[in-house]
Each structure stands twice: as C-alpha cells, then as structure tokens.
Amino acid sequence: MTPWRCRKGFTLVEILVAMLLLATIVLAIFPLMFAGRKNLNKSDLKQEAAYYTRQAAEQMKAFVNGVDSGGMPTPIPEGPNQGAGSYAKEWIFPNDTRSAPGDDALIAGDHDITNNLPASRFKDHNGTLKYRVDEVDCGGVCDPNVAAKRKFCCKKVTFTANWIEEK
C-alpha cells in the first residue's frame, strides 16, 4: 500500500467539502444579483416617470409663456378680443380627466393626465401622472374666493407620478 501523500486525485470527502463550499458561495451571490436587477428596474421606472413629468411641466410652462411647443397651445382665429396669432385664454391638456368645457389646465384642483402617456414600461406598471394646481398669494392681494381678486393669484403646480413595483 502506498502512503497517502503519494496518491494522485481527491477523496470523496474532499470533493463533497469543495462542492459544499461552492454551493454556499453561489447561494450567497444569487440574492445579490436578484436585488441588483430589482433596483435597476426600479431606477428605470423612476427615470421614465421623471421624463414624463418634465415633459408635462415643459408643455405647461410653454403655455404659460405663450410659446408654441410642438403644437401647444393651439392658435385661435382672430376674434373681437384676440389679435392675429394670439392663443386661447384656456388651454387643456389632452385627455385631462378634470377638464370640462370652460376649464383649463391651470384651474385649481387635481388633474389626471395619465391618458397622455404613451405605451411604455411605466404604463405597464399601472403608472399614473397627475398634477395639482393651487392658487397662492404672491403679492398680498390674492383671494381665491373673490372673483375680482383671483386674477392676482399665482399658480403653484405640483406633479405626482406613481406606479406599482414588481414584487
């Protein structure tokens, strides 16, 4: 019989111990990979929500500043109170759930513009895009409850994007 040190190869116990160590390492790494993938998906959804929110805010800012940003706001024909190339006093986000005849995108209250979003991962996760308009005093003469003083109110717009995350 040859001494143990001179044998070539591994014993069954050594192979089982090596497999146990390898399995332990792999099992420790897999949850980290899955958590990283989940965080990447969450980050992608946040980035997409921020993009749509910025886009809606830019459209609203363009309306307030009277700039035509890709067809919004829509020019209206000349009338008794408007000059050539003027814009409608009211502007409505397409598919705004709050909008009714006479309402505009800057009327105080909650607005839902989710239906304006294109098909995307954000929408696949039941994403919603809403905004709220509040009338705030910006010069000491604003009173949202008095029609004559309402024109002196400033508008504060707050956007909110929500979605359902994967479990």
N, C-alpha and C. Protein backbone atom coordinates (compact mmCIF):
# COMPACT_ATOMS: atom_id res chain seq x y z
N MET A 1 0.84 -1.16 0.00
CA MET A 1 0.00 0.00 0.00
C MET A 1 0.90 1.24 0.00
N THR A 2 0.51 2.21 -0.87
CA THR A 2 1.31 3.41 -0.98
C THR A 2 0.88 4.42 0.07
N PRO A 3 1.79 5.25 0.52
CA PRO A 3 1.42 6.24 1.53
C PRO A 3 0.40 7.24 0.96
N TRP A 4 -0.36 7.86 1.85
CA TRP A 4 -1.46 8.77 1.49
C TRP A 4 -0.94 9.94 0.66
N ARG A 5 0.24 10.44 0.95
CA ARG A 5 0.77 11.60 0.27
C ARG A 5 1.14 11.29 -1.18
N CYS A 6 1.38 10.13 -1.51
CA CYS A 6 1.81 9.78 -2.85
C CYS A 6 0.65 9.52 -3.80
N ARG A 7 -0.54 9.37 -3.28
CA ARG A 7 -1.70 9.13 -4.15
C ARG A 7 -2.05 10.37 -4.95
N LYS A 8 -2.53 10.16 -6.18
CA LYS A 8 -3.00 11.25 -7.00
C LYS A 8 -4.51 11.25 -7.00
N GLY A 9 -5.12 12.49 -7.03
CA GLY A 9 -6.57 12.60 -7.04
C GLY A 9 -7.10 13.03 -5.68
N PHE A 10 -8.42 13.11 -5.60
CA PHE A 10 -9.08 13.59 -4.39
C PHE A 10 -9.97 12.49 -3.84
N THR A 11 -10.16 12.54 -2.55
CA THR A 11 -11.06 11.58 -1.93
C THR A 11 -12.49 12.10 -2.06
N LEU A 12 -13.44 11.22 -1.84
CA LEU A 12 -14.85 11.59 -1.93
C LEU A 12 -15.19 12.67 -0.90
N VAL A 13 -14.64 12.61 0.27
CA VAL A 13 -14.90 13.61 1.31
C VAL A 13 -14.40 14.99 0.86
N GLU A 14 -13.21 15.05 0.27
CA GLU A 14 -12.66 16.32 -0.21
C GLU A 14 -13.54 16.93 -1.31
N ILE A 15 -14.03 16.10 -2.21
CA ILE A 15 -14.90 16.59 -3.29
C ILE A 15 -16.21 17.10 -2.71
N LEU A 16 -16.79 16.40 -1.75
CA LEU A 16 -18.05 16.84 -1.13
C LEU A 16 -17.87 18.16 -0.38
N VAL A 17 -16.75 18.32 0.31
CA VAL A 17 -16.48 19.57 1.03
C VAL A 17 -16.32 20.71 0.03
N ALA A 18 -15.62 20.49 -1.07
CA ALA A 18 -15.43 21.52 -2.09
C ALA A 18 -16.78 21.90 -2.72
N MET A 19 -17.64 20.92 -2.99
CA MET A 19 -18.96 21.20 -3.56
C MET A 19 -19.83 21.97 -2.58
N LEU A 20 -19.72 21.64 -1.30
CA LEU A 20 -20.49 22.35 -0.28
C LEU A 20 -20.05 23.82 -0.20
N LEU A 21 -18.75 24.07 -0.24
CA LEU A 21 -18.24 25.45 -0.22
C LEU A 21 -18.69 26.21 -1.47
N LEU A 22 -18.62 25.58 -2.63
CA LEU A 22 -19.03 26.22 -3.87
C LEU A 22 -20.54 26.54 -3.84
N ALA A 23 -21.35 25.62 -3.36
CA ALA A 23 -22.79 25.84 -3.28
C ALA A 23 -23.11 26.99 -2.31
N THR A 24 -22.39 27.07 -1.21
CA THR A 24 -22.61 28.15 -0.24
C THR A 24 -22.28 29.51 -0.86
N ILE A 25 -21.20 29.58 -1.60
CA ILE A 25 -20.81 30.84 -2.25
C ILE A 25 -21.84 31.24 -3.30
N VAL A 26 -22.29 30.30 -4.12
CA VAL A 26 -23.27 30.59 -5.17
C VAL A 26 -24.59 31.04 -4.54
N LEU A 27 -25.02 30.38 -3.50
CA LEU A 27 -26.27 30.76 -2.84
C LEU A 27 -26.17 32.12 -2.18
N ALA A 28 -24.99 32.53 -1.79
CA ALA A 28 -24.82 33.86 -1.20
C ALA A 28 -24.82 34.94 -2.28
N ILE A 29 -24.38 34.63 -3.49
CA ILE A 29 -24.28 35.61 -4.56
C ILE A 29 -25.61 35.82 -5.29
N PHE A 30 -26.40 34.79 -5.47
CA PHE A 30 -27.65 34.90 -6.23
C PHE A 30 -28.61 35.95 -5.68
N PRO A 31 -28.87 36.01 -4.39
CA PRO A 31 -29.77 37.07 -3.90
C PRO A 31 -29.26 38.47 -4.21
N LEU A 32 -27.95 38.66 -4.19
CA LEU A 32 -27.39 39.97 -4.53
C LEU A 32 -27.66 40.32 -5.99
N MET A 33 -27.57 39.33 -6.85
CA MET A 33 -27.84 39.56 -8.27
C MET A 33 -29.31 39.92 -8.48
N PHE A 34 -30.22 39.22 -7.82
CA PHE A 34 -31.65 39.49 -7.97
C PHE A 34 -32.00 40.85 -7.39
N ALA A 35 -31.41 41.22 -6.27
CA ALA A 35 -31.66 42.53 -5.67
C ALA A 35 -31.14 43.64 -6.59
N GLY A 36 -29.99 43.43 -7.19
CA GLY A 36 -29.44 44.40 -8.13
C GLY A 36 -30.34 44.58 -9.34
N ARG A 37 -30.88 43.49 -9.85
CA ARG A 37 -31.79 43.56 -11.00
C ARG A 37 -33.08 44.31 -10.62
N LYS A 38 -33.59 44.03 -9.44
CA LYS A 38 -34.82 44.70 -8.99
C LYS A 38 -34.58 46.21 -8.83
N ASN A 39 -33.44 46.58 -8.25
CA ASN A 39 -33.11 48.00 -8.10
C ASN A 39 -32.90 48.68 -9.45
N LEU A 40 -32.37 47.96 -10.42
CA LEU A 40 -32.20 48.50 -11.76
C LEU A 40 -33.56 48.78 -12.39
N ASN A 41 -34.51 47.85 -12.25
CA ASN A 41 -35.86 48.07 -12.78
C ASN A 41 -36.53 49.26 -12.10
N LYS A 42 -36.35 49.37 -10.79
CA LYS A 42 -36.94 50.48 -10.03
C LYS A 42 -36.34 51.80 -10.51
N SER A 43 -35.06 51.83 -10.73
CA SER A 43 -34.38 53.03 -11.21
C SER A 43 -34.87 53.40 -12.61
N ASP A 44 -35.06 52.41 -13.47
CA ASP A 44 -35.57 52.68 -14.82
C ASP A 44 -36.96 53.31 -14.76
N LEU A 45 -37.82 52.79 -13.89
CA LEU A 45 -39.17 53.34 -13.76
C LEU A 45 -39.15 54.76 -13.22
N LYS A 46 -38.27 55.02 -12.26
CA LYS A 46 -38.14 56.38 -11.72
C LYS A 46 -37.68 57.35 -12.81
N GLN A 47 -36.73 56.91 -13.61
CA GLN A 47 -36.21 57.75 -14.68
C GLN A 47 -37.30 58.03 -15.72
N GLU A 48 -38.08 57.02 -16.06
CA GLU A 48 -39.16 57.20 -17.03
C GLU A 48 -40.24 58.14 -16.47
N ALA A 49 -40.58 57.98 -15.19
CA ALA A 49 -41.57 58.85 -14.56
C ALA A 49 -41.07 60.29 -14.54
N ALA A 50 -39.80 60.48 -14.24
CA ALA A 50 -39.23 61.83 -14.22
C ALA A 50 -39.26 62.44 -15.62
N TYR A 51 -39.01 61.64 -16.62
CA TYR A 51 -39.04 62.13 -18.00
C TYR A 51 -40.45 62.64 -18.37
N TYR A 52 -41.47 61.83 -18.09
CA TYR A 52 -42.84 62.23 -18.43
C TYR A 52 -43.29 63.44 -17.61
N THR A 53 -42.86 63.51 -16.37
CA THR A 53 -43.20 64.65 -15.54
C THR A 53 -42.56 65.93 -16.08
N ARG A 54 -41.29 65.85 -16.44
CA ARG A 54 -40.60 67.00 -17.03
C ARG A 54 -41.26 67.44 -18.33
N GLN A 55 -41.64 66.46 -19.15
CA GLN A 55 -42.27 66.76 -20.43
C GLN A 55 -43.59 67.51 -20.21
N ALA A 56 -44.42 67.05 -19.27
CA ALA A 56 -45.69 67.72 -18.98
C ALA A 56 -45.44 69.12 -18.42
N ALA A 57 -44.46 69.24 -17.54
CA ALA A 57 -44.15 70.55 -16.95
C ALA A 57 -43.67 71.52 -18.03
N GLU A 58 -42.87 71.05 -18.97
CA GLU A 58 -42.38 71.91 -20.06
C GLU A 58 -43.54 72.35 -20.96
N GLN A 59 -44.49 71.45 -21.22
CA GLN A 59 -45.65 71.82 -22.02
C GLN A 59 -46.45 72.91 -21.32
N MET A 60 -46.62 72.75 -20.00
CA MET A 60 -47.38 73.74 -19.25
C MET A 60 -46.62 75.07 -19.21
N LYS A 61 -45.31 75.01 -19.01
CA LYS A 61 -44.50 76.24 -18.98
C LYS A 61 -44.56 76.95 -20.34
N ALA A 62 -44.54 76.19 -21.42
CA ALA A 62 -44.63 76.78 -22.75
C ALA A 62 -45.97 77.48 -22.92
N PHE A 63 -47.04 76.90 -22.40
CA PHE A 63 -48.35 77.54 -22.48
C PHE A 63 -48.36 78.84 -21.70
N VAL A 64 -47.85 78.80 -20.48
CA VAL A 64 -47.85 80.00 -19.63
C VAL A 64 -47.03 81.11 -20.27
N ASN A 65 -45.92 80.75 -20.90
CA ASN A 65 -45.05 81.74 -21.54
C ASN A 65 -45.52 82.12 -22.94
N GLY A 66 -46.59 81.46 -23.43
CA GLY A 66 -47.12 81.78 -24.75
C GLY A 66 -46.27 81.30 -25.90
N VAL A 67 -45.54 80.22 -25.69
CA VAL A 67 -44.66 79.68 -26.72
C VAL A 67 -45.31 78.45 -27.32
N ASP A 68 -45.24 78.31 -28.64
CA ASP A 68 -45.79 77.14 -29.30
C ASP A 68 -44.74 76.03 -29.21
N SER A 69 -45.01 75.01 -28.40
CA SER A 69 -44.04 73.91 -28.23
C SER A 69 -44.61 72.65 -28.87
N GLY A 70 -44.44 72.51 -30.16
CA GLY A 70 -44.92 71.32 -30.82
C GLY A 70 -46.43 71.29 -30.93
N GLY A 71 -47.05 72.42 -31.22
CA GLY A 71 -48.48 72.44 -31.43
C GLY A 71 -49.27 72.80 -30.20
N MET A 72 -48.64 73.15 -29.10
CA MET A 72 -49.38 73.51 -27.90
C MET A 72 -48.89 74.83 -27.39
N PRO A 73 -49.68 75.72 -26.99
CA PRO A 73 -51.13 75.75 -27.13
C PRO A 73 -51.55 76.04 -28.56
N THR A 74 -52.80 75.84 -28.86
CA THR A 74 -53.30 75.95 -30.22
C THR A 74 -53.67 77.39 -30.55
N PRO A 75 -53.17 77.90 -31.68
CA PRO A 75 -53.57 79.25 -32.08
C PRO A 75 -55.07 79.28 -32.38
N ILE A 76 -55.72 80.41 -32.11
CA ILE A 76 -57.14 80.55 -32.40
C ILE A 76 -57.33 81.64 -33.44
N PRO A 77 -58.42 81.58 -34.18
CA PRO A 77 -58.64 82.61 -35.20
C PRO A 77 -58.89 83.98 -34.56
N GLU A 78 -58.72 85.01 -35.36
CA GLU A 78 -58.95 86.35 -34.85
C GLU A 78 -60.40 86.51 -34.42
N GLY A 79 -60.59 87.21 -33.35
CA GLY A 79 -61.94 87.48 -32.87
C GLY A 79 -61.96 88.86 -32.27
N PRO A 80 -63.08 89.24 -31.67
CA PRO A 80 -63.18 90.59 -31.12
C PRO A 80 -62.19 90.86 -30.00
N ASN A 81 -61.78 89.82 -29.26
CA ASN A 81 -60.88 90.04 -28.12
C ASN A 81 -59.47 89.53 -28.38
N GLN A 82 -59.22 88.98 -29.56
CA GLN A 82 -57.91 88.42 -29.85
C GLN A 82 -57.34 89.04 -31.10
N GLY A 83 -56.04 89.13 -31.12
CA GLY A 83 -55.35 89.62 -32.31
C GLY A 83 -54.86 88.45 -33.13
N ALA A 84 -54.28 88.73 -34.29
CA ALA A 84 -53.76 87.68 -35.16
C ALA A 84 -52.67 86.91 -34.43
N GLY A 85 -52.72 85.59 -34.52
CA GLY A 85 -51.69 84.74 -33.92
C GLY A 85 -51.78 84.64 -32.42
N SER A 86 -52.86 85.11 -31.81
CA SER A 86 -52.96 85.01 -30.35
C SER A 86 -53.39 83.59 -29.97
N TYR A 87 -53.31 83.31 -28.69
CA TYR A 87 -53.62 81.98 -28.20
C TYR A 87 -54.86 82.04 -27.34
N ALA A 88 -55.53 80.88 -27.29
CA ALA A 88 -56.73 80.80 -26.46
C ALA A 88 -56.36 81.08 -25.01
N LYS A 89 -57.26 81.72 -24.29
CA LYS A 89 -57.02 82.02 -22.88
C LYS A 89 -56.95 80.72 -22.08
N GLU A 90 -57.81 79.78 -22.42
CA GLU A 90 -57.80 78.49 -21.75
C GLU A 90 -57.04 77.48 -22.60
N TRP A 91 -56.34 76.64 -21.95
CA TRP A 91 -55.64 75.56 -22.63
C TRP A 91 -55.87 74.29 -21.83
N ILE A 92 -56.17 73.22 -22.51
CA ILE A 92 -56.49 71.97 -21.84
C ILE A 92 -55.47 70.92 -22.25
N PHE A 93 -54.91 70.21 -21.25
CA PHE A 93 -54.11 69.04 -21.57
C PHE A 93 -55.03 68.04 -22.25
N PRO A 94 -54.63 67.45 -23.36
CA PRO A 94 -55.48 66.43 -23.96
C PRO A 94 -55.73 65.30 -22.95
N ASN A 95 -56.93 64.81 -22.90
CA ASN A 95 -57.33 63.69 -22.03
C ASN A 95 -57.21 64.00 -20.54
N ASP A 96 -57.25 65.26 -20.15
CA ASP A 96 -57.23 65.63 -18.73
C ASP A 96 -58.58 65.27 -18.14
N THR A 97 -58.60 64.42 -17.12
CA THR A 97 -59.87 63.96 -16.56
C THR A 97 -60.63 65.08 -15.87
N ARG A 98 -59.95 66.13 -15.46
CA ARG A 98 -60.64 67.23 -14.78
C ARG A 98 -61.33 68.16 -15.76
N SER A 99 -60.76 68.24 -16.96
CA SER A 99 -61.21 69.25 -17.91
C SER A 99 -62.65 69.05 -18.34
N ALA A 100 -63.38 70.12 -18.29
CA ALA A 100 -64.74 70.19 -18.78
C ALA A 100 -64.81 71.48 -19.60
N PRO A 101 -65.86 71.67 -20.35
CA PRO A 101 -65.94 72.93 -21.10
C PRO A 101 -65.76 74.13 -20.18
N GLY A 102 -64.84 75.00 -20.53
CA GLY A 102 -64.57 76.19 -19.72
C GLY A 102 -63.43 76.00 -18.73
N ASP A 103 -63.03 74.75 -18.46
CA ASP A 103 -61.91 74.52 -17.56
C ASP A 103 -60.62 74.57 -18.38
N ASP A 104 -59.55 75.00 -17.74
CA ASP A 104 -58.27 74.93 -18.43
C ASP A 104 -57.28 74.16 -17.57
N ALA A 105 -56.08 73.98 -18.13
CA ALA A 105 -55.07 73.16 -17.47
C ALA A 105 -54.60 73.78 -16.16
N LEU A 106 -54.82 75.07 -15.97
CA LEU A 106 -54.36 75.75 -14.76
C LEU A 106 -55.50 76.07 -13.79
N ILE A 107 -56.65 75.45 -13.96
CA ILE A 107 -57.72 75.66 -12.99
C ILE A 107 -57.35 74.94 -11.70
N ALA A 108 -57.65 75.55 -10.57
CA ALA A 108 -57.26 74.97 -9.28
C ALA A 108 -57.92 73.61 -9.09
N GLY A 109 -57.14 72.68 -8.54
CA GLY A 109 -57.64 71.34 -8.24
C GLY A 109 -56.71 70.28 -8.78
N ASP A 110 -57.19 69.04 -8.69
CA ASP A 110 -56.41 67.88 -9.12
C ASP A 110 -56.71 67.56 -10.58
N HIS A 111 -55.67 67.22 -11.33
CA HIS A 111 -55.79 66.87 -12.74
C HIS A 111 -55.08 65.55 -12.97
N ASP A 112 -55.67 64.67 -13.78
CA ASP A 112 -55.06 63.38 -14.13
C ASP A 112 -54.79 63.38 -15.62
N ILE A 113 -53.52 63.30 -15.99
CA ILE A 113 -53.14 63.30 -17.41
C ILE A 113 -52.47 61.98 -17.80
N THR A 114 -52.82 60.91 -17.09
CA THR A 114 -52.25 59.60 -17.36
C THR A 114 -52.52 59.15 -18.78
N ASN A 115 -53.69 59.47 -19.31
CA ASN A 115 -54.04 59.02 -20.66
C ASN A 115 -53.18 59.66 -21.74
N ASN A 116 -52.40 60.68 -21.39
CA ASN A 116 -51.48 61.29 -22.36
C ASN A 116 -50.20 60.48 -22.51
N LEU A 117 -49.94 59.57 -21.58
CA LEU A 117 -48.69 58.81 -21.61
C LEU A 117 -48.71 57.79 -22.73
N PRO A 118 -47.59 57.64 -23.45
CA PRO A 118 -47.53 56.61 -24.49
C PRO A 118 -47.38 55.23 -23.85
N ALA A 119 -47.59 54.20 -24.64
CA ALA A 119 -47.37 52.83 -24.15
C ALA A 119 -45.90 52.71 -23.74
N SER A 120 -45.66 52.23 -22.53
CA SER A 120 -44.29 52.15 -22.02
C SER A 120 -44.24 51.22 -20.82
N ARG A 121 -43.04 50.98 -20.32
CA ARG A 121 -42.89 50.18 -19.11
C ARG A 121 -43.59 50.86 -17.95
N PHE A 122 -43.55 52.20 -17.92
CA PHE A 122 -44.19 52.96 -16.85
C PHE A 122 -45.69 52.67 -16.83
N LYS A 123 -46.31 52.68 -18.00
CA LYS A 123 -47.75 52.38 -18.07
C LYS A 123 -48.02 50.91 -17.76
N ASP A 124 -47.09 50.03 -18.15
CA ASP A 124 -47.26 48.60 -17.87
C ASP A 124 -47.30 48.33 -16.36
N HIS A 125 -46.70 49.21 -15.58
CA HIS A 125 -46.70 49.08 -14.13
C HIS A 125 -47.80 49.95 -13.50
N ASN A 126 -48.87 50.17 -14.25
CA ASN A 126 -50.01 50.98 -13.79
C ASN A 126 -49.56 52.37 -13.36
N GLY A 127 -48.65 52.94 -14.12
CA GLY A 127 -48.15 54.28 -13.83
C GLY A 127 -49.23 55.33 -14.03
N THR A 128 -49.25 56.31 -13.15
CA THR A 128 -50.17 57.44 -13.27
C THR A 128 -49.39 58.74 -13.19
N LEU A 129 -49.86 59.73 -13.92
CA LEU A 129 -49.25 61.05 -13.89
C LEU A 129 -50.36 62.06 -13.59
N LYS A 130 -50.23 62.73 -12.46
CA LYS A 130 -51.24 63.68 -12.02
C LYS A 130 -50.55 64.97 -11.62
N TYR A 131 -51.32 66.04 -11.59
CA TYR A 131 -50.78 67.28 -11.06
C TYR A 131 -51.89 68.02 -10.33
N ARG A 132 -51.47 68.89 -9.42
CA ARG A 132 -52.39 69.68 -8.63
C ARG A 132 -52.04 71.15 -8.80
N VAL A 133 -53.06 71.96 -9.00
CA VAL A 133 -52.88 73.40 -9.13
C VAL A 133 -53.49 74.06 -7.90
N ASP A 134 -52.69 74.87 -7.22
CA ASP A 134 -53.16 75.64 -6.07
C ASP A 134 -52.96 77.12 -6.39
N GLU A 135 -53.91 77.92 -5.95
CA GLU A 135 -53.77 79.37 -6.10
C GLU A 135 -53.14 79.90 -4.82
N VAL A 136 -52.03 80.59 -4.97
CA VAL A 136 -51.30 81.11 -3.82
C VAL A 136 -51.12 82.61 -3.95
N ASP A 137 -51.00 83.25 -2.83
CA ASP A 137 -50.83 84.70 -2.79
C ASP A 137 -49.38 85.02 -3.13
N CYS A 138 -49.20 85.89 -4.11
CA CYS A 138 -47.84 86.26 -4.49
C CYS A 138 -47.65 87.78 -4.48
N GLY A 139 -48.54 88.48 -3.79
CA GLY A 139 -48.38 89.91 -3.75
C GLY A 139 -49.29 90.60 -2.74
N GLY A 140 -49.94 89.84 -1.91
CA GLY A 140 -50.76 90.41 -0.86
C GLY A 140 -52.17 90.79 -1.26
N VAL A 141 -52.58 90.57 -2.52
CA VAL A 141 -53.93 90.94 -2.92
C VAL A 141 -54.74 89.75 -3.43
N CYS A 142 -54.19 88.57 -3.35
CA CYS A 142 -54.87 87.38 -3.85
C CYS A 142 -55.92 86.89 -2.85
N ASP A 143 -57.08 86.56 -3.38
CA ASP A 143 -58.11 85.89 -2.60
C ASP A 143 -58.83 84.94 -3.55
N PRO A 144 -58.52 83.63 -3.50
CA PRO A 144 -59.13 82.68 -4.43
C PRO A 144 -60.65 82.63 -4.33
N ASN A 145 -61.22 83.11 -3.24
CA ASN A 145 -62.67 83.05 -3.06
C ASN A 145 -63.39 84.28 -3.60
N VAL A 146 -62.64 85.30 -3.99
CA VAL A 146 -63.24 86.52 -4.53
C VAL A 146 -62.82 86.65 -5.99
N ALA A 147 -63.82 86.62 -6.89
CA ALA A 147 -63.53 86.59 -8.33
C ALA A 147 -62.67 87.77 -8.76
N ALA A 148 -62.93 88.96 -8.25
CA ALA A 148 -62.17 90.14 -8.66
C ALA A 148 -60.71 90.07 -8.22
N LYS A 149 -60.43 89.39 -7.12
CA LYS A 149 -59.05 89.31 -6.63
C LYS A 149 -58.35 88.03 -7.08
N ARG A 150 -59.08 87.08 -7.68
CA ARG A 150 -58.49 85.82 -8.11
C ARG A 150 -57.44 86.04 -9.18
N LYS A 151 -57.61 87.07 -10.02
CA LYS A 151 -56.65 87.30 -11.10
C LYS A 151 -55.28 87.70 -10.57
N PHE A 152 -55.18 88.08 -9.30
CA PHE A 152 -53.89 88.43 -8.71
C PHE A 152 -53.20 87.24 -8.05
N CYS A 153 -53.83 86.08 -8.14
CA CYS A 153 -53.25 84.88 -7.53
C CYS A 153 -52.22 84.25 -8.47
N CYS A 154 -51.18 83.69 -7.88
CA CYS A 154 -50.21 82.91 -8.64
C CYS A 154 -50.64 81.45 -8.59
N LYS A 155 -50.16 80.68 -9.54
CA LYS A 155 -50.49 79.27 -9.62
C LYS A 155 -49.28 78.45 -9.20
N LYS A 156 -49.52 77.53 -8.28
CA LYS A 156 -48.47 76.60 -7.86
C LYS A 156 -48.88 75.22 -8.38
N VAL A 157 -48.02 74.61 -9.19
CA VAL A 157 -48.33 73.33 -9.81
C VAL A 157 -47.39 72.27 -9.23
N THR A 158 -47.98 71.18 -8.74
CA THR A 158 -47.22 70.07 -8.17
C THR A 158 -47.54 68.80 -8.95
N PHE A 159 -46.52 68.18 -9.53
CA PHE A 159 -46.71 66.95 -10.30
C PHE A 159 -46.44 65.74 -9.42
N THR A 160 -47.19 64.65 -9.66
CA THR A 160 -47.01 63.40 -8.93
C THR A 160 -47.06 62.23 -9.91
N ALA A 161 -46.04 61.40 -9.88
CA ALA A 161 -46.02 60.19 -10.70
C ALA A 161 -45.98 58.98 -9.77
N ASN A 162 -46.86 58.02 -9.99
CA ASN A 162 -46.93 56.81 -9.16
C ASN A 162 -46.97 55.58 -10.06
N TRP A 163 -46.49 54.47 -9.53
CA TRP A 163 -46.56 53.19 -10.24
C TRP A 163 -46.52 52.07 -9.22
N ILE A 164 -46.87 50.87 -9.67
CA ILE A 164 -46.84 49.68 -8.82
C ILE A 164 -45.57 48.92 -9.16
N GLU A 165 -44.76 48.68 -8.13
CA GLU A 165 -43.49 47.99 -8.35
C GLU A 165 -43.70 46.48 -8.36
N GLU A 166 -42.79 45.80 -9.03
CA GLU A 166 -42.82 44.34 -9.05
C GLU A 166 -42.44 43.82 -7.68
N LYS A 167 -42.98 42.68 -7.33
CA LYS A 167 -42.66 42.08 -6.04
C LYS A 167 -41.57 41.07 -6.18
